[in-house]
Amino acid sequence: MSEKIKSEVISRRRALSLLGLAAALGLAVPSTMATVSDAEAEEPGHERHEHRRERHHERHEHRRERHHERKEKE
């Protein structure tokens, strides 16, 4: 209970440095988050690409099935 609380005096230079760092982070983080969300939202060919990939896999499976059917007949 008899602990002494040491209060550290911060110099003006140190306080301004911390304030500048906080301001820089405050500006950097929202702009980074906006770029990430914009990139996810604006992928014009992504949906088309997925659809093409699905069709490719369907065609591939169909070819494999036909190939195995022919092999079984031989």
C-alpha atoms as a PDB file:
ATOM      1  CA  MET A   1       0.000   0.000   0.000  1.00  0.00           C
ATOM      2  CA  SER A   2       2.900   2.280   0.542  1.00  0.00           C
ATOM      3  CA  GLU A   3       3.990   2.014  -3.090  1.00  0.00           C
ATOM      4  CA  LYS A   4       5.045   5.220  -4.672  1.00  0.00           C
ATOM      5  CA  ILE A   5       3.551   5.985  -8.039  1.00  0.00           C
ATOM      6  CA  LYS A   6       6.208   7.261 -10.350  1.00  0.00           C
ATOM      7  CA  SER A   7       4.887   9.668 -12.890  1.00  0.00           C
ATOM      8  CA  GLU A   8       7.158  10.062 -15.825  1.00  0.00           C
ATOM      9  CA  VAL A   9       7.446  13.475 -17.361  1.00  0.00           C
ATOM     10  CA  ILE A  10       7.233  13.385 -21.141  1.00  0.00           C
ATOM     11  CA  SER A  11       9.145  15.971 -23.061  1.00  0.00           C
ATOM     12  CA  ARG A  12       7.356  18.179 -25.544  1.00  0.00           C
ATOM     13  CA  ARG A  13       9.371  16.623 -28.376  1.00  0.00           C
ATOM     14  CA  ARG A  14       8.347  13.101 -27.309  1.00  0.00           C
ATOM     15  CA  ALA A  15       4.673  14.113 -26.964  1.00  0.00           C
ATOM     16  CA  LEU A  16       4.629  15.655 -30.434  1.00  0.00           C
ATOM     17  CA  SER A  17       6.364  12.578 -31.837  1.00  0.00           C
ATOM     18  CA  LEU A  18       3.704  10.295 -30.359  1.00  0.00           C
ATOM     19  CA  LEU A  19       0.938  12.583 -31.586  1.00  0.00           C
ATOM     20  CA  GLY A  20       2.391  12.546 -35.102  1.00  0.00           C
ATOM     21  CA  LEU A  21       2.684   8.760 -35.056  1.00  0.00           C
ATOM     22  CA  ALA A  22      -0.927   8.401 -33.922  1.00  0.00           C
ATOM     23  CA  ALA A  23      -2.093  10.782 -36.651  1.00  0.00           C
ATOM     24  CA  ALA A  24      -0.118   8.926 -39.324  1.00  0.00           C
ATOM     25  CA  LEU A  25      -1.571   5.593 -38.231  1.00  0.00           C
ATOM     26  CA  GLY A  26      -5.035   7.105 -38.112  1.00  0.00           C
ATOM     27  CA  LEU A  27      -4.705   8.150 -41.735  1.00  0.00           C
ATOM     28  CA  ALA A  28      -2.948   5.026 -42.988  1.00  0.00           C
ATOM     29  CA  VAL A  29      -5.236   2.346 -41.559  1.00  0.00           C
ATOM     30  CA  PRO A  30      -8.574   3.582 -42.993  1.00  0.00           C
ATOM     31  CA  SER A  31      -7.072   4.088 -46.450  1.00  0.00           C
ATOM     32  CA  THR A  32      -5.603   0.573 -46.371  1.00  0.00           C
ATOM     33  CA  MET A  33      -8.919  -0.885 -45.323  1.00  0.00           C
ATOM     34  CA  ALA A  34     -10.702   1.015 -48.095  1.00  0.00           C
ATOM     35  CA  THR A  35      -8.294  -0.313 -50.722  1.00  0.00           C
ATOM     36  CA  VAL A  36      -8.781  -3.896 -49.582  1.00  0.00           C
ATOM     37  CA  SER A  37     -12.574  -3.646 -49.570  1.00  0.00           C
ATOM     38  CA  ASP A  38     -12.565  -1.892 -52.962  1.00  0.00           C
ATOM     39  CA  ALA A  39     -10.355  -4.592 -54.434  1.00  0.00           C
ATOM     40  CA  GLU A  40     -12.716  -7.295 -53.238  1.00  0.00           C
ATOM     41  CA  ALA A  41     -15.771  -5.461 -54.534  1.00  0.00           C
ATOM     42  CA  GLU A  42     -14.365  -4.544 -57.951  1.00  0.00           C
ATOM     43  CA  GLU A  43     -13.269  -7.796 -59.544  1.00  0.00           C
ATOM     44  CA  PRO A  44     -15.088  -7.628 -62.857  1.00  0.00           C
ATOM     45  CA  GLY A  45     -13.781 -10.870 -64.310  1.00  0.00           C
ATOM     46  CA  HIS A  46     -13.702 -12.915 -61.131  1.00  0.00           C
ATOM     47  CA  GLU A  47     -17.266 -14.183 -61.314  1.00  0.00           C
ATOM     48  CA  ARG A  48     -16.947 -14.968 -65.010  1.00  0.00           C
ATOM     49  CA  HIS A  49     -13.661 -16.749 -64.357  1.00  0.00           C
ATOM     50  CA  GLU A  50     -15.244 -18.963 -61.687  1.00  0.00           C
ATOM     51  CA  HIS A  51     -18.095 -19.828 -64.020  1.00  0.00           C
ATOM     52  CA  ARG A  52     -15.651 -20.768 -66.785  1.00  0.00           C
ATOM     53  CA  ARG A  53     -13.672 -22.896 -64.337  1.00  0.00           C
ATOM     54  CA  GLU A  54     -16.837 -24.743 -63.272  1.00  0.00           C
ATOM     55  CA  ARG A  55     -17.781 -25.415 -66.895  1.00  0.00           C
ATOM     56  CA  HIS A  56     -14.253 -26.668 -67.575  1.00  0.00           C
ATOM     57  CA  HIS A  57     -14.441 -29.135 -64.685  1.00  0.00           C
ATOM     58  CA  GLU A  58     -17.868 -30.337 -65.815  1.00  0.00           C
ATOM     59  CA  ARG A  59     -16.598 -30.953 -69.356  1.00  0.00           C
ATOM     60  CA  HIS A  60     -13.528 -32.710 -67.989  1.00  0.00           C
ATOM     61  CA  GLU A  61     -15.649 -35.024 -65.831  1.00  0.00           C
ATOM     62  CA  HIS A  62     -17.914 -35.766 -68.779  1.00  0.00           C
ATOM     63  CA  ARG A  63     -14.913 -36.692 -70.955  1.00  0.00           C
ATOM     64  CA  ARG A  64     -13.529 -38.952 -68.216  1.00  0.00           C
ATOM     65  CA  GLU A  65     -16.862 -40.739 -67.848  1.00  0.00           C
ATOM     66  CA  ARG A  66     -17.106 -41.336 -71.605  1.00  0.00           C
ATOM     67  CA  HIS A  67     -13.529 -42.581 -71.675  1.00  0.00           C
ATOM     68  CA  HIS A  68     -14.174 -45.089 -68.887  1.00  0.00           C
ATOM     69  CA  GLU A  69     -17.390 -46.239 -70.546  1.00  0.00           C
ATOM     70  CA  ARG A  70     -15.486 -46.948 -73.770  1.00  0.00           C
ATOM     71  CA  LYS A  71     -12.754 -48.818 -71.889  1.00  0.00           C
ATOM     72  CA  GLU A  72     -15.361 -51.022 -70.181  1.00  0.00           C
ATOM     73  CA  LYS A  73     -16.919 -51.978 -73.548  1.00  0.00           C
ATOM     74  CA  GLU A  74     -13.578 -53.173 -74.942  1.00  0.00           C
END
